[in-house]
Amino acid sequence: PGTDAVDWSQGMRLWGAMTPLRDALQRFLRDHASAPAAMRHLLEAQDLVGLRSLAHRLHGAAGNLAMPGLR
C-alpha cells in the first residue's frame, strides 16, 4: 500500500477527472477542518451518539473521495 491519503486511481474512476476530485477534496478539508476537535469533545462528553454520527459522515465522505485510510 502507498502512503497517499487519497487513492488517486479510485478517485479518478469515481469523479471522472482530476479537477472535480481536487475541488471535492478541498471542500472536504474546509468543511471538516474542525472534525478532530469535535470528535475529541464528543468523546470527552461521552456523547457516543454524536460521535457515531460524525464518524459516519466522515466515513461516507471518505469513501466518496477515495480516502481508504480515513474510511
PDB file of N, CA and C in Angstrom:
ATOM      1  N   PRO A   1       0.828  -1.207   0.000  1.00  0.00           N
ATOM      2  CA  PRO A   1       0.000   0.000   0.000  1.00  0.00           C
ATOM      3  C   PRO A   1       0.859   1.252   0.000  1.00  0.00           C
ATOM      4  N   GLY A   2       0.385   2.273  -0.691  1.00  0.00           N
ATOM      5  CA  GLY A   2       1.093   3.548  -0.745  1.00  0.00           C
ATOM      6  C   GLY A   2       0.840   4.370   0.495  1.00  0.00           C
ATOM      7  N   THR A   3       1.466   5.522   0.525  1.00  0.00           N
ATOM      8  CA  THR A   3       1.312   6.396   1.679  1.00  0.00           C
ATOM      9  C   THR A   3       0.362   7.552   1.399  1.00  0.00           C
ATOM     10  N   ASP A   4      -0.195   7.620   0.191  1.00  0.00           N
ATOM     11  CA  ASP A   4      -1.133   8.686  -0.137  1.00  0.00           C
ATOM     12  C   ASP A   4      -2.427   8.524   0.649  1.00  0.00           C
ATOM     13  N   ALA A   5      -2.959   9.631   1.121  1.00  0.00           N
ATOM     14  CA  ALA A   5      -4.245   9.611   1.808  1.00  0.00           C
ATOM     15  C   ALA A   5      -5.372   9.353   0.827  1.00  0.00           C
ATOM     16  N   VAL A   6      -5.147   9.668  -0.436  1.00  0.00           N
ATOM     17  CA  VAL A   6      -6.160   9.505  -1.481  1.00  0.00           C
ATOM     18  C   VAL A   6      -5.696   8.419  -2.445  1.00  0.00           C
ATOM     19  N   ASP A   7      -6.597   7.512  -2.766  1.00  0.00           N
ATOM     20  CA  ASP A   7      -6.340   6.539  -3.822  1.00  0.00           C
ATOM     21  C   ASP A   7      -6.719   7.241  -5.121  1.00  0.00           C
ATOM     22  N   TRP A   8      -5.725   7.848  -5.770  1.00  0.00           N
ATOM     23  CA  TRP A   8      -5.985   8.699  -6.934  1.00  0.00           C
ATOM     24  C   TRP A   8      -6.623   7.928  -8.084  1.00  0.00           C
ATOM     25  N   SER A   9      -6.227   6.679  -8.277  1.00  0.00           N
ATOM     26  CA  SER A   9      -6.829   5.873  -9.349  1.00  0.00           C
ATOM     27  C   SER A   9      -8.309   5.674  -9.093  1.00  0.00           C
ATOM     28  N   GLN A  10      -8.653   5.302  -7.866  1.00  0.00           N
ATOM     29  CA  GLN A  10     -10.064   5.126  -7.500  1.00  0.00           C
ATOM     30  C   GLN A  10     -10.798   6.459  -7.582  1.00  0.00           C
ATOM     31  N   GLY A  11     -10.170   7.518  -7.116  1.00  0.00           N
ATOM     32  CA  GLY A  11     -10.787   8.844  -7.181  1.00  0.00           C
ATOM     33  C   GLY A  11     -11.104   9.260  -8.600  1.00  0.00           C
ATOM     34  N   MET A  12     -10.201   8.966  -9.503  1.00  0.00           N
ATOM     35  CA  MET A  12     -10.434   9.300 -10.910  1.00  0.00           C
ATOM     36  C   MET A  12     -11.590   8.478 -11.483  1.00  0.00           C
ATOM     37  N   ARG A  13     -11.695   7.216 -11.060  1.00  0.00           N
ATOM     38  CA  ARG A  13     -12.824   6.402 -11.518  1.00  0.00           C
ATOM     39  C   ARG A  13     -14.136   6.953 -10.977  1.00  0.00           C
ATOM     40  N   LEU A  14     -14.123   7.412  -9.734  1.00  0.00           N
ATOM     41  CA  LEU A  14     -15.346   7.935  -9.114  1.00  0.00           C
ATOM     42  C   LEU A  14     -15.736   9.301  -9.671  1.00  0.00           C
ATOM     43  N   TRP A  15     -14.744  10.171  -9.903  1.00  0.00           N
ATOM     44  CA  TRP A  15     -15.019  11.569 -10.259  1.00  0.00           C
ATOM     45  C   TRP A  15     -14.821  11.878 -11.735  1.00  0.00           C
ATOM     46  N   GLY A  16     -14.141  11.004 -12.453  1.00  0.00           N
ATOM     47  CA  GLY A  16     -14.008  11.159 -13.889  1.00  0.00           C
ATOM     48  C   GLY A  16     -12.904  12.085 -14.356  1.00  0.00           C
ATOM     49  N   ALA A  17     -12.444  12.966 -13.500  1.00  0.00           N
ATOM     50  CA  ALA A  17     -11.383  13.904 -13.870  1.00  0.00           C
ATOM     51  C   ALA A  17     -10.740  14.445 -12.595  1.00  0.00           C
ATOM     52  N   MET A  18      -9.523  14.916 -12.734  1.00  0.00           N
ATOM     53  CA  MET A  18      -8.768  15.397 -11.572  1.00  0.00           C
ATOM     54  C   MET A  18      -9.358  16.674 -10.971  1.00  0.00           C
ATOM     55  N   THR A  19      -9.811  17.596 -11.802  1.00  0.00           N
ATOM     56  CA  THR A  19     -10.299  18.879 -11.277  1.00  0.00           C
ATOM     57  C   THR A  19     -11.482  18.715 -10.330  1.00  0.00           C
ATOM     58  N   PRO A  20     -12.531  17.980 -10.695  1.00  0.00           N
ATOM     59  CA  PRO A  20     -13.635  17.833  -9.747  1.00  0.00           C
ATOM     60  C   PRO A  20     -13.229  17.071  -8.484  1.00  0.00           C
ATOM     61  N   LEU A  21     -12.336  16.108  -8.614  1.00  0.00           N
ATOM     62  CA  LEU A  21     -11.860  15.379  -7.437  1.00  0.00           C
ATOM     63  C   LEU A  21     -11.118  16.314  -6.499  1.00  0.00           C
ATOM     64  N   ARG A  22     -10.204  17.097  -7.031  1.00  0.00           N
ATOM     65  CA  ARG A  22      -9.449  18.041  -6.187  1.00  0.00           C
ATOM     66  C   ARG A  22     -10.363  19.087  -5.555  1.00  0.00           C
ATOM     67  N   ASP A  23     -11.334  19.563  -6.315  1.00  0.00           N
ATOM     68  CA  ASP A  23     -12.297  20.522  -5.763  1.00  0.00           C
ATOM     69  C   ASP A  23     -13.069  19.902  -4.599  1.00  0.00           C
ATOM     70  N   ALA A  24     -13.501  18.659  -4.768  1.00  0.00           N
ATOM     71  CA  ALA A  24     -14.242  17.971  -3.716  1.00  0.00           C
ATOM     72  C   ALA A  24     -13.362  17.733  -2.494  1.00  0.00           C
ATOM     73  N   LEU A  25     -12.108  17.386  -2.708  1.00  0.00           N
ATOM     74  CA  LEU A  25     -11.183  17.200  -1.587  1.00  0.00           C
ATOM     75  C   LEU A  25     -10.959  18.512  -0.833  1.00  0.00           C
ATOM     76  N   GLN A  26     -10.825  19.612  -1.566  1.00  0.00           N
ATOM     77  CA  GLN A  26     -10.660  20.913  -0.913  1.00  0.00           C
ATOM     78  C   GLN A  26     -11.894  21.269  -0.083  1.00  0.00           C
ATOM     79  N   ARG A  27     -13.090  20.997  -0.619  1.00  0.00           N
ATOM     80  CA  ARG A  27     -14.323  21.245   0.139  1.00  0.00           C
ATOM     81  C   ARG A  27     -14.362  20.388   1.395  1.00  0.00           C
ATOM     82  N   PHE A  28     -13.966  19.119   1.250  1.00  0.00           N
ATOM     83  CA  PHE A  28     -13.951  18.213   2.399  1.00  0.00           C
ATOM     84  C   PHE A  28     -13.037  18.759   3.492  1.00  0.00           C
ATOM     85  N   LEU A  29     -11.830  19.157   3.107  1.00  0.00           N
ATOM     86  CA  LEU A  29     -10.883  19.686   4.090  1.00  0.00           C
ATOM     87  C   LEU A  29     -11.409  20.954   4.753  1.00  0.00           C
ATOM     88  N   ARG A  30     -12.019  21.828   3.971  1.00  0.00           N
ATOM     89  CA  ARG A  30     -12.571  23.060   4.517  1.00  0.00           C
ATOM     90  C   ARG A  30     -13.748  22.760   5.444  1.00  0.00           C
ATOM     91  N   ASP A  31     -14.661  21.929   4.981  1.00  0.00           N
ATOM     92  CA  ASP A  31     -15.893  21.676   5.722  1.00  0.00           C
ATOM     93  C   ASP A  31     -15.680  20.840   6.981  1.00  0.00           C
ATOM     94  N   HIS A  32     -14.605  20.040   7.007  1.00  0.00           N
ATOM     95  CA  HIS A  32     -14.377  19.142   8.137  1.00  0.00           C
ATOM     96  C   HIS A  32     -13.102  19.464   8.908  1.00  0.00           C
ATOM     97  N   ALA A  33     -12.602  20.671   8.776  1.00  0.00           N
ATOM     98  CA  ALA A  33     -11.367  21.051   9.468  1.00  0.00           C
ATOM     99  C   ALA A  33     -11.486  20.916  10.985  1.00  0.00           C
ATOM    100  N   SER A  34     -12.666  21.124  11.511  1.00  0.00           N
ATOM    101  CA  SER A  34     -12.857  21.057  12.965  1.00  0.00           C
ATOM    102  C   SER A  34     -13.263  19.669  13.437  1.00  0.00           C
ATOM    103  N   ALA A  35     -13.329  18.693  12.543  1.00  0.00           N
ATOM    104  CA  ALA A  35     -13.791  17.352  12.922  1.00  0.00           C
ATOM    105  C   ALA A  35     -12.938  16.700  14.017  1.00  0.00           C
ATOM    106  N   PRO A  36     -11.609  16.756  13.958  1.00  0.00           N
ATOM    107  CA  PRO A  36     -10.838  16.122  15.043  1.00  0.00           C
ATOM    108  C   PRO A  36     -11.149  16.723  16.414  1.00  0.00           C
ATOM    109  N   ALA A  37     -11.238  18.039  16.500  1.00  0.00           N
ATOM    110  CA  ALA A  37     -11.559  18.674  17.780  1.00  0.00           C
ATOM    111  C   ALA A  37     -12.983  18.326  18.206  1.00  0.00           C
ATOM    112  N   ALA A  38     -13.900  18.292  17.244  1.00  0.00           N
ATOM    113  CA  ALA A  38     -15.286  17.938  17.563  1.00  0.00           C
ATOM    114  C   ALA A  38     -15.365  16.504  18.072  1.00  0.00           C
ATOM    115  N   MET A  39     -14.623  15.606  17.443  1.00  0.00           N
ATOM    116  CA  MET A  39     -14.627  14.212  17.900  1.00  0.00           C
ATOM    117  C   MET A  39     -14.049  14.100  19.310  1.00  0.00           C
ATOM    118  N   ARG A  40     -12.991  14.827  19.569  1.00  0.00           N
ATOM    119  CA  ARG A  40     -12.384  14.815  20.901  1.00  0.00           C
ATOM    120  C   ARG A  40     -13.386  15.324  21.941  1.00  0.00           C
ATOM    121  N   HIS A  41     -14.070  16.432  21.611  1.00  0.00           N
ATOM    122  CA  HIS A  41     -15.074  16.993  22.524  1.00  0.00           C
ATOM    123  C   HIS A  41     -16.209  15.998  22.765  1.00  0.00           C
ATOM    124  N   LEU A  42     -16.712  15.390  21.710  1.00  0.00           N
ATOM    125  CA  LEU A  42     -17.808  14.425  21.854  1.00  0.00           C
ATOM    126  C   LEU A  42     -17.381  13.228  22.687  1.00  0.00           C
ATOM    127  N   LEU A  43     -16.155  12.780  22.497  1.00  0.00           N
ATOM    128  CA  LEU A  43     -15.649  11.656  23.274  1.00  0.00           C
ATOM    129  C   LEU A  43     -15.521  12.031  24.749  1.00  0.00           C
ATOM    130  N   GLU A  44     -14.957  13.205  25.013  1.00  0.00           N
ATOM    131  CA  GLU A  44     -14.813  13.654  26.399  1.00  0.00           C
ATOM    132  C   GLU A  44     -16.167  13.829  27.074  1.00  0.00           C
ATOM    133  N   ALA A  45     -17.157  14.277  26.307  1.00  0.00           N
ATOM    134  CA  ALA A  45     -18.512  14.457  26.837  1.00  0.00           C
ATOM    135  C   ALA A  45     -19.283  13.139  26.879  1.00  0.00           C
ATOM    136  N   GLN A  46     -18.664  12.083  26.420  1.00  0.00           N
ATOM    137  CA  GLN A  46     -19.288  10.763  26.337  1.00  0.00           C
ATOM    138  C   GLN A  46     -20.577  10.788  25.517  1.00  0.00           C
ATOM    139  N   ASP A  47     -20.580  11.648  24.501  1.00  0.00           N
ATOM    140  CA  ASP A  47     -21.715  11.736  23.576  1.00  0.00           C
ATOM    141  C   ASP A  47     -21.459  10.750  22.441  1.00  0.00           C
ATOM    142  N   LEU A  48     -21.747   9.494  22.725  1.00  0.00           N
ATOM    143  CA  LEU A  48     -21.448   8.456  21.752  1.00  0.00           C
ATOM    144  C   LEU A  48     -22.377   8.510  20.548  1.00  0.00           C
ATOM    145  N   VAL A  49     -23.575   9.006  20.722  1.00  0.00           N
ATOM    146  CA  VAL A  49     -24.493   9.161  19.592  1.00  0.00           C
ATOM    147  C   VAL A  49     -23.938  10.222  18.637  1.00  0.00           C
ATOM    148  N   GLY A  50     -23.523  11.367  19.163  1.00  0.00           N
ATOM    149  CA  GLY A  50     -22.945  12.424  18.353  1.00  0.00           C
ATOM    150  C   GLY A  50     -21.646  11.985  17.699  1.00  0.00           C
ATOM    151  N   LEU A  51     -20.822  11.265  18.455  1.00  0.00           N
ATOM    152  CA  LEU A  51     -19.547  10.771  17.933  1.00  0.00           C
ATOM    153  C   LEU A  51     -19.779   9.790  16.792  1.00  0.00           C
ATOM    154  N   ARG A  52     -20.726   8.898  16.986  1.00  0.00           N
ATOM    155  CA  ARG A  52     -21.035   7.928  15.935  1.00  0.00           C
ATOM    156  C   ARG A  52     -21.565   8.627  14.680  1.00  0.00           C
ATOM    157  N   SER A  53     -22.400   9.631  14.868  1.00  0.00           N
ATOM    158  CA  SER A  53     -22.961  10.375  13.738  1.00  0.00           C
ATOM    159  C   SER A  53     -21.859  11.068  12.938  1.00  0.00           C
ATOM    160  N   LEU A  54     -20.949  11.731  13.631  1.00  0.00           N
ATOM    161  CA  LEU A  54     -19.848  12.410  12.958  1.00  0.00           C
ATOM    162  C   LEU A  54     -18.944  11.403  12.259  1.00  0.00           C
ATOM    163  N   ALA A  55     -18.632  10.308  12.928  1.00  0.00           N
ATOM    164  CA  ALA A  55     -17.788   9.277  12.320  1.00  0.00           C
ATOM    165  C   ALA A  55     -18.455   8.699  11.074  1.00  0.00           C
ATOM    166  N   HIS A  56     -19.755   8.531  11.126  1.00  0.00           N
ATOM    167  CA  HIS A  56     -20.499   8.003   9.977  1.00  0.00           C
ATOM    168  C   HIS A  56     -20.413   8.966   8.788  1.00  0.00           C
ATOM    169  N   ARG A  57     -20.561  10.268   9.051  1.00  0.00           N
ATOM    170  CA  ARG A  57     -20.453  11.264   7.976  1.00  0.00           C
ATOM    171  C   ARG A  57     -19.054  11.261   7.368  1.00  0.00           C
ATOM    172  N   LEU A  58     -18.038  11.198   8.215  1.00  0.00           N
ATOM    173  CA  LEU A  58     -16.662  11.173   7.716  1.00  0.00           C
ATOM    174  C   LEU A  58     -16.394   9.894   6.919  1.00  0.00           C
ATOM    175  N   HIS A  59     -16.919   8.786   7.387  1.00  0.00           N
ATOM    176  CA  HIS A  59     -16.754   7.508   6.694  1.00  0.00           C
ATOM    177  C   HIS A  59     -17.350   7.573   5.294  1.00  0.00           C
ATOM    178  N   GLY A  60     -18.551   8.115   5.186  1.00  0.00           N
ATOM    179  CA  GLY A  60     -19.203   8.228   3.884  1.00  0.00           C
ATOM    180  C   GLY A  60     -18.454   9.157   2.949  1.00  0.00           C
ATOM    181  N   ALA A  61     -18.051  10.298   3.469  1.00  0.00           N
ATOM    182  CA  ALA A  61     -17.313  11.256   2.641  1.00  0.00           C
ATOM    183  C   ALA A  61     -15.986  10.663   2.198  1.00  0.00           C
ATOM    184  N   ALA A  62     -15.300   9.969   3.102  1.00  0.00           N
ATOM    185  CA  ALA A  62     -14.007   9.366   2.770  1.00  0.00           C
ATOM    186  C   ALA A  62     -14.162   8.310   1.673  1.00  0.00           C
ATOM    187  N   GLY A  63     -15.231   7.550   1.731  1.00  0.00           N
ATOM    188  CA  GLY A  63     -15.476   6.563   0.685  1.00  0.00           C
ATOM    189  C   GLY A  63     -15.735   7.232  -0.653  1.00  0.00           C
ATOM    190  N   ASN A  64     -16.505   8.297  -0.637  1.00  0.00           N
ATOM    191  CA  ASN A  64     -16.841   9.034  -1.856  1.00  0.00           C
ATOM    192  C   ASN A  64     -15.624   9.729  -2.454  1.00  0.00           C
ATOM    193  N   LEU A  65     -14.643  10.035  -1.622  1.00  0.00           N
ATOM    194  CA  LEU A  65     -13.447  10.750  -2.060  1.00  0.00           C
ATOM    195  C   LEU A  65     -12.232   9.841  -2.219  1.00  0.00           C
ATOM    196  N   ALA A  66     -12.444   8.539  -2.151  1.00  0.00           N
ATOM    197  CA  ALA A  66     -11.366   7.566  -2.333  1.00  0.00           C
ATOM    198  C   ALA A  66     -10.241   7.766  -1.324  1.00  0.00           C
ATOM    199  N   MET A  67     -10.626   7.868  -0.050  1.00  0.00           N
ATOM    200  CA  MET A  67      -9.667   8.019   1.038  1.00  0.00           C
ATOM    201  C   MET A  67      -9.749   6.787   1.941  1.00  0.00           C
ATOM    202  N   PRO A  68      -9.139   5.689   1.528  1.00  0.00           N
ATOM    203  CA  PRO A  68      -9.315   4.422   2.252  1.00  0.00           C
ATOM    204  C   PRO A  68      -8.811   4.432   3.694  1.00  0.00           C
ATOM    205  N   GLY A  69      -7.754   5.157   3.969  1.00  0.00           N
ATOM    206  CA  GLY A  69      -7.228   5.209   5.332  1.00  0.00           C
ATOM    207  C   GLY A  69      -8.191   5.853   6.305  1.00  0.00           C
ATOM    208  N   LEU A  70      -8.876   6.883   5.875  1.00  0.00           N
ATOM    209  CA  LEU A  70      -9.852   7.565   6.724  1.00  0.00           C
ATOM    210  C   LEU A  70     -11.142   6.759   6.797  1.00  0.00           C
ATOM    211  N   ARG A  71     -11.491   6.158   5.678  1.00  0.00           N
ATOM    212  CA  ARG A  71     -12.711   5.373   5.643  1.00  0.00           C
ATOM    213  C   ARG A  71     -12.585   4.226   6.611  1.00  0.00           C
TER     214      ARG A  71
END
